[in-house]
Amino acid sequence: MAETSNAQHVLKSQANWDALYFYQKSDVIYQLAFAFCERFIHLYKDRTRDQVIQAARSCKQNIVEGLADGVASTEMQLKLLNVARASLKELREDFEDYIKSRHLQFFVSGEPRYADMLDYCRYHNRLSDYEPFFAQWTDEQMCNYAITLCHFIDRMMMSFLKKLEQEFITEGGIKERMHRARTGYRQQQDERLKQLEVELPRLKQSLAEAQAEAAKWKAAFEDLKQRALKMYYEKEEEIKRLKELLGEEKL
């Protein structure tokens, strides 16, 4: 069991990213960004379109790649998740620039629409919660919801990164885990070898005693056998002699 435990400790468990809220929200933000560009940014006249879509995609895809790489490399996981955060910040900046350049309004604290938006983004994570609104929201609404989602994703990812950072501090990276696992395995083998070396003389002594006891019982058996045979032949000879005497008396 200890050997299996060491082997498993080298590779970390695969994270189920689809169950993580920040990944679910990153899927929403990608689809929202795509729908936003389809509706409000010209396909050929504005290069921002490709940048927005690629930034949103980069955020989502780097989360997946980072969590997958985390099985072997915490360092690579940290780097890729931070790349995802950087893409997220770029995306948020694009949405903010859109609002500023079109002279639209940011939803601000104290407004009913801000409170409603904040509650909705806080408690809803799945694409199915947002997709019905993609064709209904104005560009101003889509931008504000996108910016709010970006803030939530960023905070969630920072909490996740701090957790990974602590794991890296306490457990180290893949090379350190490999070294610990290999060293632990060798220590187990050394301890087993020492245990066997201690047990071997005792086993040899027990074997010698068993062989001596067996030899003693074998000798006793042979003696009993010989005495039994001797008694048998003596009785057989006596029976033969008695039969002969009885035969002579009849004559």
Protein backbone atom coordinates (compact mmCIF):
# COMPACT_ATOMS: atom_id res chain seq x y z
CA MET A 1 0.00 0.00 0.00
CA ALA A 2 2.83 2.41 0.80
CA GLU A 3 4.44 1.86 -2.60
CA THR A 4 1.17 2.61 -4.38
CA SER A 5 0.71 5.75 -2.31
CA ASN A 6 4.16 7.04 -3.28
CA ALA A 7 3.52 6.33 -6.96
CA GLN A 8 0.20 8.19 -6.88
CA HIS A 9 1.72 11.16 -5.07
CA VAL A 10 4.02 11.90 -8.02
CA LEU A 11 1.05 12.78 -10.23
CA LYS A 12 -1.66 14.98 -8.74
CA SER A 13 -5.35 14.28 -9.22
CA GLN A 14 -6.91 15.65 -12.39
CA ALA A 15 -9.06 18.66 -11.58
CA ASN A 16 -12.61 18.54 -12.92
CA TRP A 17 -12.56 22.02 -14.43
CA ASP A 18 -16.19 21.85 -15.56
CA ALA A 19 -17.19 21.80 -11.87
CA LEU A 20 -15.19 24.95 -11.07
CA TYR A 21 -17.26 28.12 -11.01
CA PHE A 22 -14.55 30.27 -12.58
CA TYR A 23 -14.32 27.88 -15.53
CA GLN A 24 -18.11 27.84 -15.94
CA LYS A 25 -18.14 31.64 -15.93
CA SER A 26 -15.22 31.70 -18.41
CA ASP A 27 -17.33 29.61 -20.78
CA VAL A 28 -20.14 32.16 -20.37
CA ILE A 29 -17.81 35.09 -21.02
CA TYR A 30 -16.48 33.49 -24.21
CA GLN A 31 -19.94 32.83 -25.62
CA LEU A 32 -21.10 36.27 -24.51
CA ALA A 33 -18.10 37.90 -26.19
CA PHE A 34 -18.74 35.98 -29.39
CA ALA A 35 -22.43 36.93 -29.43
CA PHE A 36 -21.54 40.54 -28.62
CA CYS A 37 -19.11 40.74 -31.55
CA GLU A 38 -21.62 39.14 -33.90
CA ARG A 39 -24.21 41.76 -33.00
CA PHE A 40 -22.25 44.96 -32.39
CA ILE A 41 -18.76 44.84 -33.95
CA HIS A 42 -18.40 44.90 -37.71
CA LEU A 43 -16.81 41.82 -39.19
CA TYR A 44 -14.34 43.71 -41.39
CA LYS A 45 -14.19 47.33 -40.20
CA ASP A 46 -13.10 46.82 -36.60
CA ARG A 47 -10.08 44.69 -35.62
CA THR A 48 -11.31 44.71 -32.03
CA ARG A 49 -13.68 41.91 -32.98
CA ASP A 50 -10.92 39.30 -33.34
CA GLN A 51 -9.09 40.58 -30.28
CA VAL A 52 -12.17 40.32 -28.07
CA ILE A 53 -13.01 36.81 -29.24
CA GLN A 54 -9.40 35.61 -28.96
CA ALA A 55 -8.95 37.13 -25.49
CA ALA A 56 -12.12 35.40 -24.26
CA ARG A 57 -11.08 32.13 -25.86
CA SER A 58 -7.55 32.39 -24.45
CA CYS A 59 -8.96 32.80 -20.95
CA LYS A 60 -11.13 29.69 -21.18
CA GLN A 61 -8.63 27.50 -23.03
CA ASN A 62 -5.70 28.37 -20.76
CA ILE A 63 -7.79 27.43 -17.72
CA VAL A 64 -8.38 24.00 -19.26
CA GLU A 65 -4.76 23.55 -20.31
CA GLY A 66 -3.45 24.80 -16.97
CA LEU A 67 -5.64 22.46 -14.94
CA ALA A 68 -4.71 19.53 -17.21
CA ASP A 69 -0.99 20.30 -16.93
CA GLY A 70 -1.41 20.53 -13.16
CA VAL A 71 -1.43 16.71 -12.99
CA ALA A 72 2.32 16.77 -13.53
CA SER A 73 3.49 20.35 -13.16
CA THR A 74 2.22 22.84 -10.60
CA GLU A 75 4.62 25.40 -12.06
CA MET A 76 3.09 25.11 -15.54
CA GLN A 77 -0.38 25.19 -14.05
CA LEU A 78 0.36 28.45 -12.25
CA LYS A 79 1.82 29.99 -15.42
CA LEU A 80 -1.09 29.02 -17.66
CA LEU A 81 -3.73 30.12 -15.18
CA ASN A 82 -1.98 33.46 -14.92
CA VAL A 83 -2.00 33.69 -18.72
CA ALA A 84 -5.75 33.09 -18.52
CA ARG A 85 -6.03 35.97 -16.03
CA ALA A 86 -4.02 38.22 -18.31
CA SER A 87 -6.34 37.43 -21.22
CA LEU A 88 -9.30 38.09 -18.97
CA LYS A 89 -7.95 41.52 -18.03
CA GLU A 90 -7.40 42.32 -21.71
CA LEU A 91 -10.99 41.30 -22.44
CA ARG A 92 -12.33 43.43 -19.60
CA GLU A 93 -10.35 46.40 -20.90
CA ASP A 94 -11.86 45.94 -24.37
CA PHE A 95 -15.39 46.00 -22.97
CA GLU A 96 -14.60 49.06 -20.88
CA ASP A 97 -13.11 50.80 -23.93
CA TYR A 98 -16.26 50.01 -25.91
CA ILE A 99 -18.43 51.69 -23.28
CA LYS A 100 -16.14 54.74 -23.14
CA SER A 101 -15.75 55.13 -26.89
CA ARG A 102 -19.51 54.84 -27.52
CA HIS A 103 -20.36 57.13 -24.57
CA LEU A 104 -22.42 54.43 -22.89
CA GLN A 105 -22.98 54.09 -19.16
CA PHE A 106 -21.22 51.92 -16.60
CA PHE A 107 -23.64 50.38 -14.12
CA VAL A 108 -22.57 51.74 -10.73
CA SER A 109 -23.21 50.90 -7.09
CA GLY A 110 -26.46 52.31 -5.77
CA GLU A 111 -28.41 51.70 -8.97
CA PRO A 112 -31.07 48.96 -8.97
CA ARG A 113 -29.75 47.60 -12.27
CA TYR A 114 -26.26 47.33 -10.74
CA ALA A 115 -27.54 45.36 -7.74
CA ASP A 116 -29.59 43.06 -9.98
CA MET A 117 -26.64 42.48 -12.28
CA LEU A 118 -24.27 41.78 -9.38
CA ASP A 119 -26.62 39.24 -7.78
CA TYR A 120 -27.25 37.50 -11.08
CA CYS A 121 -23.56 37.19 -11.96
CA ARG A 122 -22.69 36.06 -8.44
CA TYR A 123 -25.16 33.20 -8.29
CA HIS A 124 -25.37 32.09 -11.92
CA ASN A 125 -22.48 30.27 -13.53
CA ARG A 126 -23.75 28.18 -16.42
CA LEU A 127 -24.08 29.27 -20.03
CA SER A 128 -27.75 28.24 -20.03
CA ASP A 129 -28.39 30.96 -17.43
CA TYR A 130 -27.17 33.72 -19.76
CA GLU A 131 -27.62 32.54 -23.33
CA PRO A 132 -31.33 33.48 -23.60
CA PHE A 133 -30.36 37.13 -22.97
CA PHE A 134 -27.65 37.36 -25.65
CA ALA A 135 -30.13 38.36 -28.32
CA GLN A 136 -32.09 40.68 -26.00
CA TRP A 137 -29.52 42.77 -24.12
CA THR A 138 -28.31 46.04 -25.53
CA ASP A 139 -24.62 46.51 -26.14
CA GLU A 140 -24.46 48.53 -22.93
CA GLN A 141 -25.99 45.70 -20.92
CA MET A 142 -23.76 43.08 -22.50
CA CYS A 143 -20.65 45.10 -21.76
CA ASN A 144 -21.59 45.68 -18.14
CA TYR A 145 -22.45 42.02 -17.56
CA ALA A 146 -19.22 40.98 -19.28
CA ILE A 147 -17.15 43.35 -17.11
CA THR A 148 -18.84 42.07 -13.96
CA LEU A 149 -18.24 38.46 -14.95
CA CYS A 150 -14.59 39.31 -15.59
CA HIS A 151 -14.27 40.67 -12.06
CA PHE A 152 -15.86 37.56 -10.54
CA ILE A 153 -13.69 35.20 -12.59
CA ASP A 154 -10.55 37.12 -11.67
CA ARG A 155 -11.29 37.00 -7.94
CA MET A 156 -12.12 33.31 -8.07
CA MET A 157 -8.96 32.53 -9.99
CA MET A 158 -6.84 34.51 -7.55
CA SER A 159 -8.25 32.44 -4.67
CA PHE A 160 -7.50 29.27 -6.62
CA LEU A 161 -3.97 30.45 -7.43
CA LYS A 162 -3.27 31.20 -3.77
CA LYS A 163 -4.35 27.67 -2.92
CA LEU A 164 -2.02 26.29 -5.60
CA GLU A 165 0.77 28.53 -4.32
CA GLN A 166 0.39 27.08 -0.82
CA GLU A 167 0.38 23.54 -2.22
CA PHE A 168 3.55 24.31 -4.14
CA ILE A 169 5.22 25.69 -1.00
CA THR A 170 4.32 22.64 1.09
CA GLU A 171 4.60 19.87 -1.53
CA GLY A 172 6.99 21.25 -4.12
CA GLY A 173 6.96 20.58 -7.83
CA ILE A 174 7.04 17.38 -9.88
CA LYS A 175 10.79 16.83 -9.41
CA GLU A 176 10.51 17.13 -5.64
CA ARG A 177 7.52 14.77 -5.56
CA MET A 178 9.39 12.29 -7.74
CA HIS A 179 12.41 12.49 -5.48
CA ARG A 180 10.29 11.96 -2.36
CA ALA A 181 8.44 9.06 -3.91
CA ARG A 182 11.62 7.38 -5.14
CA THR A 183 13.44 7.99 -1.86
CA GLY A 184 10.46 6.66 0.09
CA TYR A 185 10.37 3.56 -2.09
CA ARG A 186 14.09 2.91 -1.60
CA GLN A 187 13.76 3.43 2.16
CA GLN A 188 10.98 0.87 2.26
CA GLN A 189 13.13 -1.61 0.36
CA ASP A 190 16.09 -0.98 2.65
CA GLU A 191 13.92 -1.47 5.73
CA ARG A 192 12.51 -4.68 4.28
CA LEU A 193 16.00 -5.95 3.50
CA LYS A 194 17.14 -5.22 7.05
CA GLN A 195 14.08 -6.98 8.42
CA LEU A 196 14.79 -10.05 6.29
CA GLU A 197 18.44 -10.07 7.28
CA VAL A 198 17.39 -10.07 10.95
CA GLU A 199 14.79 -12.79 10.40
CA LEU A 200 17.01 -15.09 8.30
CA PRO A 201 19.24 -16.43 11.16
CA ARG A 202 16.16 -17.10 13.27
CA LEU A 203 14.53 -18.94 10.38
CA LYS A 204 17.69 -20.97 9.84
CA GLN A 205 17.73 -21.92 13.54
CA SER A 206 14.06 -22.89 13.39
CA LEU A 207 14.76 -25.01 10.30
CA ALA A 208 17.68 -26.75 11.98
CA GLU A 209 15.56 -27.49 15.04
CA ALA A 210 12.75 -28.82 12.87
CA GLN A 211 15.20 -31.02 10.94
CA ALA A 212 16.66 -32.38 14.22
CA GLU A 213 13.16 -33.07 15.54
CA ALA A 214 12.26 -34.79 12.30
CA ALA A 215 15.41 -36.92 12.47
CA LYS A 216 14.54 -37.88 16.05
CA TRP A 217 11.04 -38.91 15.08
CA LYS A 218 12.38 -40.80 12.09
CA ALA A 219 14.75 -42.75 14.32
CA ALA A 220 11.94 -43.50 16.79
CA PHE A 221 9.75 -44.64 13.93
CA GLU A 222 12.43 -46.97 12.59
CA ASP A 223 12.98 -48.44 16.07
CA LEU A 224 9.26 -48.98 16.55
CA LYS A 225 9.03 -50.51 13.11
CA GLN A 226 11.86 -52.93 13.77
CA ARG A 227 10.45 -53.98 17.14
CA ALA A 228 7.02 -54.48 15.61
CA LEU A 229 8.47 -56.59 12.79
CA LYS A 230 10.52 -58.62 15.24
CA MET A 231 7.44 -59.28 17.38
CA TYR A 232 5.43 -60.18 14.28
CA TYR A 233 7.98 -62.69 13.05
CA GLU A 234 8.32 -64.17 16.53
CA LYS A 235 4.56 -64.67 16.81
CA GLU A 236 4.44 -66.05 13.31
CA GLU A 237 7.17 -68.57 14.18
CA GLU A 238 5.38 -69.55 17.39
CA ILE A 239 2.12 -70.12 15.52
CA LYS A 240 3.94 -72.29 13.01
CA ARG A 241 5.58 -74.32 15.75
CA LEU A 242 2.31 -74.82 17.61
CA LYS A 243 0.60 -76.01 14.45
CA GLU A 244 3.35 -78.53 13.90
CA LEU A 245 3.00 -79.88 17.46
CA LEU A 246 -0.76 -80.17 17.11
CA GLY A 247 -0.28 -82.04 13.86
CA GLU A 248 2.05 -84.61 15.44
CA GLU A 249 -0.41 -85.25 18.32
CA LYS A 250 -3.19 -86.10 15.87
CA LEU A 251 -0.98 -88.67 14.24
